[in-house]
């Protein structure tokens, strides 16, 4: 794993554990939050997983775009002489 991937995993894990902890502290009732997690309250799970999916999607699209730009503009073609290098 690259350094950016490791950072992304750490941020995702912190979010997935931090949000329920915040809700427990904010509501003062850990039984309600625990029950909502176990039963599968779709609102709570979408609040937890939605930002992670969005973060990963934006990261993948950004990194792929940067790699594509580097490939396109990183070629060593000599436009003036017509020499395209070896393949």
C-alpha atoms as a PDB file:
ATOM      1  CA  UNK A   1       0.000   0.000   0.000  1.00  0.00           C
ATOM      2  CA  UNK A   2       1.168   3.464  -0.774  1.00  0.00           C
ATOM      3  CA  UNK A   3       1.384   6.185   1.834  1.00  0.00           C
ATOM      4  CA  UNK A   4      -1.780   7.867   0.522  1.00  0.00           C
ATOM      5  CA  UNK A   5      -3.710   4.606   0.698  1.00  0.00           C
ATOM      6  CA  UNK A   6      -2.597   4.089   4.300  1.00  0.00           C
ATOM      7  CA  UNK A   7      -3.698   7.613   5.190  1.00  0.00           C
ATOM      8  CA  UNK A   8      -7.066   6.950   3.539  1.00  0.00           C
ATOM      9  CA  UNK A   9      -7.541   3.740   5.516  1.00  0.00           C
ATOM     10  CA  UNK A  10      -6.702   5.497   8.794  1.00  0.00           C
ATOM     11  CA  UNK A  11      -9.130   8.347   8.055  1.00  0.00           C
ATOM     12  CA  UNK A  12     -11.877   5.864   7.122  1.00  0.00           C
ATOM     13  CA  UNK A  13     -11.395   3.806  10.285  1.00  0.00           C
ATOM     14  CA  UNK A  14     -11.350   6.935  12.443  1.00  0.00           C
ATOM     15  CA  UNK A  15     -14.584   8.118  10.840  1.00  0.00           C
ATOM     16  CA  UNK A  16     -16.326   4.751  11.166  1.00  0.00           C
ATOM     17  CA  UNK A  17     -15.412   4.486  14.852  1.00  0.00           C
ATOM     18  CA  UNK A  18     -15.586   8.175  15.709  1.00  0.00           C
ATOM     19  CA  UNK A  19     -19.120   8.851  14.506  1.00  0.00           C
ATOM     20  CA  UNK A  20     -20.795   6.250  16.759  1.00  0.00           C
ATOM     21  CA  UNK A  21     -18.654   7.415  19.688  1.00  0.00           C
ATOM     22  CA  UNK A  22     -19.710  11.002  19.026  1.00  0.00           C
ATOM     23  CA  UNK A  23     -23.374   9.955  18.871  1.00  0.00           C
ATOM     24  CA  UNK A  24     -23.063   8.050  22.134  1.00  0.00           C
ATOM     25  CA  UNK A  25     -21.463  11.035  23.888  1.00  0.00           C
ATOM     26  CA  UNK A  26     -23.910  13.499  22.339  1.00  0.00           C
ATOM     27  CA  UNK A  27     -27.066  11.504  23.084  1.00  0.00           C
ATOM     28  CA  UNK A  28     -25.873  10.149  26.425  1.00  0.00           C
ATOM     29  CA  UNK A  29     -27.525   6.826  25.684  1.00  0.00           C
ATOM     30  CA  UNK A  30     -25.200   4.136  24.341  1.00  0.00           C
ATOM     31  CA  UNK A  31     -27.991   1.540  24.207  1.00  0.00           C
ATOM     32  CA  UNK A  32     -29.925   3.485  21.581  1.00  0.00           C
ATOM     33  CA  UNK A  33     -26.887   3.950  19.336  1.00  0.00           C
ATOM     34  CA  UNK A  34     -25.820   0.322  19.796  1.00  0.00           C
ATOM     35  CA  UNK A  35     -29.312  -0.911  18.978  1.00  0.00           C
ATOM     36  CA  UNK A  36     -29.443   1.282  15.866  1.00  0.00           C
ATOM     37  CA  UNK A  37     -26.111  -0.153  14.669  1.00  0.00           C
ATOM     38  CA  UNK A  38     -27.098  -3.772  15.290  1.00  0.00           C
ATOM     39  CA  UNK A  39     -30.622  -3.542  13.867  1.00  0.00           C
ATOM     40  CA  UNK A  40     -29.280  -1.816  10.775  1.00  0.00           C
ATOM     41  CA  UNK A  41     -30.736   1.667  10.882  1.00  0.00           C
ATOM     42  CA  UNK A  42     -30.162   2.752   7.287  1.00  0.00           C
ATOM     43  CA  UNK A  43     -29.824   6.438   8.169  1.00  0.00           C
ATOM     44  CA  UNK A  44     -27.011   5.800  10.636  1.00  0.00           C
ATOM     45  CA  UNK A  45     -25.194   3.414   8.311  1.00  0.00           C
ATOM     46  CA  UNK A  46     -25.496   5.813   5.367  1.00  0.00           C
ATOM     47  CA  UNK A  47     -24.097   8.630   7.548  1.00  0.00           C
ATOM     48  CA  UNK A  48     -21.171   6.374   8.419  1.00  0.00           C
ATOM     49  CA  UNK A  49     -20.462   4.806   5.031  1.00  0.00           C
ATOM     50  CA  UNK A  50     -21.529   7.614   2.686  1.00  0.00           C
ATOM     51  CA  UNK A  51     -18.585   9.933   3.363  1.00  0.00           C
ATOM     52  CA  UNK A  52     -16.136   7.012   3.184  1.00  0.00           C
ATOM     53  CA  UNK A  53     -17.432   5.988  -0.253  1.00  0.00           C
ATOM     54  CA  UNK A  54     -17.384   9.612  -1.403  1.00  0.00           C
ATOM     55  CA  UNK A  55     -13.843  10.149  -0.066  1.00  0.00           C
ATOM     56  CA  UNK A  56     -12.523   6.998  -1.742  1.00  0.00           C
ATOM     57  CA  UNK A  57     -14.290   7.768  -5.036  1.00  0.00           C
ATOM     58  CA  UNK A  58     -12.924  11.316  -5.201  1.00  0.00           C
ATOM     59  CA  UNK A  59      -9.450  10.046  -4.297  1.00  0.00           C
ATOM     60  CA  UNK A  60      -9.450   7.350  -6.977  1.00  0.00           C
ATOM     61  CA  UNK A  61     -10.746   9.729  -9.653  1.00  0.00           C
ATOM     62  CA  UNK A  62      -8.178  12.382  -8.701  1.00  0.00           C
ATOM     63  CA  UNK A  63      -5.235   9.971  -8.669  1.00  0.00           C
ATOM     64  CA  UNK A  64      -6.269   8.374 -11.962  1.00  0.00           C
ATOM     65  CA  UNK A  65      -6.607  11.807 -13.553  1.00  0.00           C
ATOM     66  CA  UNK A  66      -3.157  12.873 -12.323  1.00  0.00           C
ATOM     67  CA  UNK A  67      -1.620   9.640 -13.629  1.00  0.00           C
ATOM     68  CA  UNK A  68      -3.359  10.090 -16.987  1.00  0.00           C
ATOM     69  CA  UNK A  69      -2.109  13.693 -17.281  1.00  0.00           C
ATOM     70  CA  UNK A  70       1.437  12.626 -16.402  1.00  0.00           C
ATOM     71  CA  UNK A  71       1.309   9.883 -19.063  1.00  0.00           C
ATOM     72  CA  UNK A  72      -0.044  12.270 -21.690  1.00  0.00           C
ATOM     73  CA  UNK A  73       2.346  15.133 -21.046  1.00  0.00           C
ATOM     74  CA  UNK A  74       5.291  13.075 -19.890  1.00  0.00           C
ATOM     75  CA  UNK A  75       6.036  11.680 -23.347  1.00  0.00           C
ATOM     76  CA  UNK A  76       9.413  12.525 -24.782  1.00  0.00           C
ATOM     77  CA  UNK A  77       8.272  13.208 -28.331  1.00  0.00           C
ATOM     78  CA  UNK A  78      10.242  15.761 -30.257  1.00  0.00           C
ATOM     79  CA  UNK A  79       7.550  17.662 -32.142  1.00  0.00           C
ATOM     80  CA  UNK A  80       9.956  19.812 -34.162  1.00  0.00           C
ATOM     81  CA  UNK A  81      11.968  16.962 -35.719  1.00  0.00           C
ATOM     82  CA  UNK A  82       9.175  14.428 -35.884  1.00  0.00           C
ATOM     83  CA  UNK A  83      11.208  11.928 -33.847  1.00  0.00           C
ATOM     84  CA  UNK A  84       8.897   9.859 -31.678  1.00  0.00           C
ATOM     85  CA  UNK A  85      11.525   7.817 -29.869  1.00  0.00           C
ATOM     86  CA  UNK A  86      11.684   4.058 -29.602  1.00  0.00           C
ATOM     87  CA  UNK A  87       8.714   1.955 -28.586  1.00  0.00           C
END
